[in-house]
């Protein structure tokens, strides 16, 4: 297995931390979501989309901006 670069390790640690916070937060901030999207790699898009879709599924009146984020990810 190839050794990860220090910057990649930090990026992944920060991304994982932010994704855990978004998953736990009923109404995650758009700023935090923007930061996550800036850190995502192609391989991580599905995990992030799943978190957003869980928020949409759990809310009787889902956030339109949250739906729009998922649509942008799917484009």
C-alpha atoms as a PDB file:
ATOM      1  CA  UNK A   1       0.000   0.000   0.000  1.00  0.00           C
ATOM      2  CA  UNK A   2       1.359   3.415  -0.948  1.00  0.00           C
ATOM      3  CA  UNK A   3       2.037   5.873   1.831  1.00  0.00           C
ATOM      4  CA  UNK A   4      -0.377   8.833   1.819  1.00  0.00           C
ATOM      5  CA  UNK A   5       0.961  12.347   1.566  1.00  0.00           C
ATOM      6  CA  UNK A   6       0.570  14.421   4.767  1.00  0.00           C
ATOM      7  CA  UNK A   7      -1.761  16.850   2.991  1.00  0.00           C
ATOM      8  CA  UNK A   8      -4.009  13.956   1.918  1.00  0.00           C
ATOM      9  CA  UNK A   9      -4.123  12.631   5.480  1.00  0.00           C
ATOM     10  CA  UNK A  10      -5.170  16.039   6.812  1.00  0.00           C
ATOM     11  CA  UNK A  11      -7.758  16.490   4.027  1.00  0.00           C
ATOM     12  CA  UNK A  12      -9.302  13.103   4.829  1.00  0.00           C
ATOM     13  CA  UNK A  13      -9.310  13.716   8.590  1.00  0.00           C
ATOM     14  CA  UNK A  14     -11.014  17.087   8.164  1.00  0.00           C
ATOM     15  CA  UNK A  15     -13.516  15.681   5.666  1.00  0.00           C
ATOM     16  CA  UNK A  16     -14.409  12.783   7.972  1.00  0.00           C
ATOM     17  CA  UNK A  17     -14.869  15.154  10.907  1.00  0.00           C
ATOM     18  CA  UNK A  18     -17.120  17.513   8.945  1.00  0.00           C
ATOM     19  CA  UNK A  19     -19.172  14.657   7.494  1.00  0.00           C
ATOM     20  CA  UNK A  20     -19.775  13.245  10.997  1.00  0.00           C
ATOM     21  CA  UNK A  21     -20.956  16.676  12.142  1.00  0.00           C
ATOM     22  CA  UNK A  22     -23.281  17.079   9.154  1.00  0.00           C
ATOM     23  CA  UNK A  23     -24.664  13.595   9.714  1.00  0.00           C
ATOM     24  CA  UNK A  24     -25.469  14.411  13.361  1.00  0.00           C
ATOM     25  CA  UNK A  25     -26.767  17.952  12.790  1.00  0.00           C
ATOM     26  CA  UNK A  26     -30.461  18.281  11.992  1.00  0.00           C
ATOM     27  CA  UNK A  27     -29.836  21.467  10.006  1.00  0.00           C
ATOM     28  CA  UNK A  28     -26.199  21.572   8.849  1.00  0.00           C
ATOM     29  CA  UNK A  29     -24.877  24.947   7.782  1.00  0.00           C
ATOM     30  CA  UNK A  30     -24.372  25.769   4.136  1.00  0.00           C
ATOM     31  CA  UNK A  31     -20.847  26.907   4.997  1.00  0.00           C
ATOM     32  CA  UNK A  32     -19.948  23.474   6.360  1.00  0.00           C
ATOM     33  CA  UNK A  33     -21.530  21.786   3.334  1.00  0.00           C
ATOM     34  CA  UNK A  34     -19.542  24.080   1.023  1.00  0.00           C
ATOM     35  CA  UNK A  35     -16.334  23.120   2.826  1.00  0.00           C
ATOM     36  CA  UNK A  36     -17.127  19.416   2.488  1.00  0.00           C
ATOM     37  CA  UNK A  37     -17.813  19.820  -1.224  1.00  0.00           C
ATOM     38  CA  UNK A  38     -14.462  21.563  -1.653  1.00  0.00           C
ATOM     39  CA  UNK A  39     -12.699  18.599   0.000  1.00  0.00           C
ATOM     40  CA  UNK A  40     -14.511  15.739  -1.745  1.00  0.00           C
ATOM     41  CA  UNK A  41     -12.863  13.419  -4.202  1.00  0.00           C
ATOM     42  CA  UNK A  42     -14.922  11.580  -6.818  1.00  0.00           C
ATOM     43  CA  UNK A  43     -14.821   8.410  -4.718  1.00  0.00           C
ATOM     44  CA  UNK A  44     -16.367  10.235  -1.730  1.00  0.00           C
ATOM     45  CA  UNK A  45     -19.330  11.822  -3.555  1.00  0.00           C
ATOM     46  CA  UNK A  46     -21.658   8.853  -2.948  1.00  0.00           C
ATOM     47  CA  UNK A  47     -21.047   8.838   0.822  1.00  0.00           C
ATOM     48  CA  UNK A  48     -21.729  12.565   1.004  1.00  0.00           C
ATOM     49  CA  UNK A  49     -24.847  12.266  -1.151  1.00  0.00           C
ATOM     50  CA  UNK A  50     -26.107   9.487   1.133  1.00  0.00           C
ATOM     51  CA  UNK A  51     -25.787  11.785   4.152  1.00  0.00           C
ATOM     52  CA  UNK A  52     -27.701  14.554   2.371  1.00  0.00           C
ATOM     53  CA  UNK A  53     -30.367  12.115   1.171  1.00  0.00           C
ATOM     54  CA  UNK A  54     -30.816  10.823   4.726  1.00  0.00           C
ATOM     55  CA  UNK A  55     -31.547  14.414   5.816  1.00  0.00           C
ATOM     56  CA  UNK A  56     -34.049  14.770   2.967  1.00  0.00           C
ATOM     57  CA  UNK A  57     -35.698  11.439   3.852  1.00  0.00           C
ATOM     58  CA  UNK A  58     -35.952  12.304   7.559  1.00  0.00           C
ATOM     59  CA  UNK A  59     -37.573  15.707   7.059  1.00  0.00           C
ATOM     60  CA  UNK A  60     -41.299  15.971   6.313  1.00  0.00           C
ATOM     61  CA  UNK A  61     -40.595  19.271   4.525  1.00  0.00           C
ATOM     62  CA  UNK A  62     -37.059  18.812   3.182  1.00  0.00           C
ATOM     63  CA  UNK A  63     -34.872  21.798   2.604  1.00  0.00           C
ATOM     64  CA  UNK A  64     -34.989  23.012  -0.998  1.00  0.00           C
ATOM     65  CA  UNK A  65     -31.302  24.051  -0.844  1.00  0.00           C
ATOM     66  CA  UNK A  66     -30.444  20.523   0.378  1.00  0.00           C
ATOM     67  CA  UNK A  67     -32.347  19.004  -2.553  1.00  0.00           C
ATOM     68  CA  UNK A  68     -30.578  21.404  -4.918  1.00  0.00           C
ATOM     69  CA  UNK A  69     -27.181  20.302  -3.525  1.00  0.00           C
ATOM     70  CA  UNK A  70     -27.988  16.677  -4.276  1.00  0.00           C
ATOM     71  CA  UNK A  71     -29.142  17.631  -7.782  1.00  0.00           C
ATOM     72  CA  UNK A  72     -25.826  19.445  -8.366  1.00  0.00           C
ATOM     73  CA  UNK A  73     -23.915  16.372  -7.209  1.00  0.00           C
ATOM     74  CA  UNK A  74     -25.905  14.219  -9.623  1.00  0.00           C
ATOM     75  CA  UNK A  75     -25.239  16.536 -12.582  1.00  0.00           C
END
